[in-house]
Amino acid sequence: MWMLIKEGYSPPSREINGIKTEVAFTEWTFNERDLAQLNAKCLNCCFCALKSEDYMRVSTCKTSKEI
């Protein structure tokens, strides 16, 4: 979990003809799904540890590293 927070999470993407595009959820590999699920767990853990004032400030963050 700590490495994901430290390094950050980015949704799966592929480079096609030099253009980087996000991959549809239905095409994610098991590893990519596991990383997305771990990011969600990290976010939840961080959100639960915050006071309500701090939560309101960071509730729009998409990755645990942003917090």
Protein backbone atom coordinates (compact mmCIF):
# COMPACT_ATOMS: atom_id res chain seq x y z
CA MET A 1 0.00 0.00 0.00
CA TRP A 2 2.75 2.44 0.91
CA MET A 3 4.48 2.09 -2.47
CA LEU A 4 1.23 2.96 -4.26
CA ILE A 5 0.86 6.08 -2.13
CA LYS A 6 4.50 7.04 -2.65
CA GLU A 7 4.65 6.36 -6.40
CA GLY A 8 1.08 7.36 -7.23
CA TYR A 9 -1.55 5.60 -9.31
CA SER A 10 -2.52 6.24 -12.90
CA PRO A 11 -5.28 4.41 -14.77
CA PRO A 12 -4.15 1.85 -17.35
CA SER A 13 -3.31 3.29 -20.75
CA ARG A 14 -1.88 2.06 -24.02
CA GLU A 15 0.16 3.88 -26.64
CA ILE A 16 -1.22 3.45 -30.14
CA ASN A 17 0.52 5.23 -33.03
CA GLY A 18 2.28 7.51 -30.56
CA ILE A 19 -0.97 8.55 -28.86
CA LYS A 20 -1.52 7.55 -25.24
CA THR A 21 -5.14 6.57 -24.51
CA GLU A 22 -6.86 5.15 -21.45
CA VAL A 23 -7.97 1.54 -21.62
CA ALA A 24 -11.64 0.66 -21.15
CA PHE A 25 -12.35 -1.07 -17.83
CA THR A 26 -13.49 -4.22 -19.64
CA GLU A 27 -10.00 -4.55 -21.18
CA TRP A 28 -8.02 -4.19 -17.94
CA THR A 29 -5.78 -7.07 -16.90
CA PHE A 30 -6.16 -8.69 -13.49
CA ASN A 31 -3.05 -6.83 -12.30
CA GLU A 32 -4.46 -3.48 -13.46
CA ARG A 33 -7.74 -4.20 -11.66
CA ASP A 34 -5.86 -5.16 -8.50
CA LEU A 35 -3.90 -1.89 -8.59
CA ALA A 36 -7.10 0.13 -9.06
CA GLN A 37 -8.70 -1.70 -6.15
CA LEU A 38 -5.63 -1.10 -3.98
CA ASN A 39 -5.75 2.61 -4.85
CA ALA A 40 -9.39 2.70 -3.73
CA LYS A 41 -8.43 1.02 -0.45
CA CYS A 42 -5.60 3.53 0.08
CA LEU A 43 -7.98 6.43 -0.56
CA ASN A 44 -10.52 5.01 1.88
CA CYS A 45 -7.86 4.46 4.53
CA CYS A 46 -6.58 8.03 4.15
CA PHE A 47 -10.07 9.53 4.14
CA CYS A 48 -11.08 7.65 7.29
CA ALA A 49 -8.01 8.93 9.14
CA LEU A 50 -8.85 12.60 8.52
CA LYS A 51 -10.92 15.06 10.50
CA SER A 52 -14.04 16.31 8.70
CA GLU A 53 -12.43 19.69 7.91
CA ASP A 54 -9.44 18.01 6.28
CA TYR A 55 -11.66 15.50 4.49
CA MET A 56 -13.62 18.30 2.79
CA ARG A 57 -10.34 19.71 1.49
CA VAL A 58 -9.09 16.47 -0.09
CA SER A 59 -12.31 14.61 -0.92
CA THR A 60 -11.96 15.33 -4.64
CA CYS A 61 -8.53 13.69 -4.93
CA LYS A 62 -8.42 10.77 -7.35
CA THR A 63 -5.25 9.11 -6.07
CA SER A 64 -3.83 8.51 -2.64
CA LYS A 65 -0.66 10.37 -3.62
CA GLU A 66 -2.65 13.58 -4.19
CA ILE A 67 -3.76 13.57 -0.55
